[in-house]
Amino acid sequence: MVGVTVAPWPSAGQSTCLHCDSFVTDRFGRVFGDESDRVHRCPECDTYARLTRGSAAGKDVEIPDPETSPGRHGGEVDV
């Protein structure tokens, strides 16, 4: 007999960032996302420093956003 474990979280439909629509893994959503494992910001559109402080879960953080503060934390100025 083979035992099968069913994950307690859905994996379909939650594999993209809500901000930039980039692919994110289900694990990233479980670790950094909100209470429903949705990802509001991801490594493609935000910095690791901000993600680990809650921006991935949709929380406001004190570190400047690379989209609104060009040149900060590795962001490039659009010329």
Protein backbone atom coordinates (compact mmCIF):
# COMPACT_ATOMS: atom_id res chain seq x y z
CA MET A 1 0.00 0.00 0.00
CA VAL A 2 1.28 3.45 -0.94
CA GLY A 3 0.54 6.46 1.25
CA VAL A 4 -0.14 9.80 -0.39
CA THR A 5 0.07 13.09 1.43
CA VAL A 6 -2.06 15.96 0.22
CA ALA A 7 -0.56 19.42 0.75
CA PRO A 8 -2.78 21.65 2.92
CA TRP A 9 -2.28 24.58 0.56
CA PRO A 10 -3.46 25.07 -3.00
CA SER A 11 -0.74 25.22 -5.64
CA ALA A 12 -2.74 26.34 -8.64
CA GLY A 13 -3.25 30.00 -9.46
CA GLN A 14 -0.85 31.39 -6.89
CA SER A 15 2.42 31.06 -8.75
CA THR A 16 2.79 34.68 -9.87
CA CYS A 17 3.65 37.94 -8.17
CA LEU A 18 0.62 40.20 -7.77
CA HIS A 19 2.78 43.28 -8.49
CA CYS A 20 4.75 42.31 -11.61
CA ASP A 21 3.19 38.97 -12.64
CA SER A 22 6.58 37.17 -12.49
CA PHE A 23 6.70 33.49 -11.63
CA VAL A 24 7.25 32.64 -7.96
CA THR A 25 7.38 29.19 -6.41
CA ASP A 26 4.68 27.98 -4.06
CA ARG A 27 7.37 27.70 -1.39
CA PHE A 28 8.27 31.39 -1.77
CA GLY A 29 4.59 32.21 -1.26
CA ARG A 30 4.37 30.05 1.86
CA VAL A 31 7.52 31.59 3.36
CA PHE A 32 7.24 35.25 2.35
CA GLY A 33 3.63 35.72 1.17
CA ASP A 34 0.55 36.86 3.05
CA GLU A 35 -1.75 34.68 5.16
CA SER A 36 -3.18 33.19 1.95
CA ASP A 37 0.31 32.54 0.50
CA ARG A 38 -0.19 35.27 -2.12
CA VAL A 39 2.97 37.15 -3.13
CA HIS A 40 2.57 40.93 -3.41
CA ARG A 41 6.24 41.62 -4.33
CA CYS A 42 8.97 39.22 -5.51
CA PRO A 43 12.73 39.21 -6.18
CA GLU A 44 12.07 40.47 -9.72
CA CYS A 45 10.43 43.70 -8.53
CA ASP A 46 11.77 44.29 -5.01
CA THR A 47 14.91 43.91 -2.92
CA TYR A 48 15.65 41.02 -0.60
CA ALA A 49 15.92 43.44 2.33
CA ARG A 50 12.35 44.61 1.73
CA LEU A 51 10.97 41.14 0.95
CA THR A 52 12.26 39.68 4.21
CA ARG A 53 10.70 42.55 6.16
CA GLY A 54 7.22 41.98 4.76
CA SER A 55 6.83 43.62 1.35
CA ALA A 56 6.19 40.19 -0.20
CA ALA A 57 3.23 39.85 2.15
CA GLY A 58 1.88 43.26 1.14
CA LYS A 59 3.12 45.13 4.23
CA ASP A 60 4.60 48.61 4.12
CA VAL A 61 8.28 48.60 5.07
CA GLU A 62 10.61 51.48 5.95
CA ILE A 63 13.29 50.63 3.38
CA PRO A 64 12.86 52.73 0.19
CA ASP A 65 11.11 51.00 -2.70
CA PRO A 66 13.49 50.53 -5.67
CA GLU A 67 10.67 51.54 -8.05
CA THR A 68 10.09 54.92 -6.41
CA SER A 69 13.68 55.58 -5.28
CA PRO A 70 15.83 54.94 -8.38
CA GLY A 71 19.43 54.02 -7.71
CA ARG A 72 18.68 52.75 -4.19
CA HIS A 73 19.63 49.21 -3.23
CA GLY A 74 20.80 48.21 -6.68
CA GLY A 75 17.97 49.85 -8.62
CA GLU A 76 18.96 51.53 -11.87
CA VAL A 77 17.98 55.01 -12.90
CA ASP A 78 15.86 55.00 -16.07
CA VAL A 79 17.51 57.24 -18.65
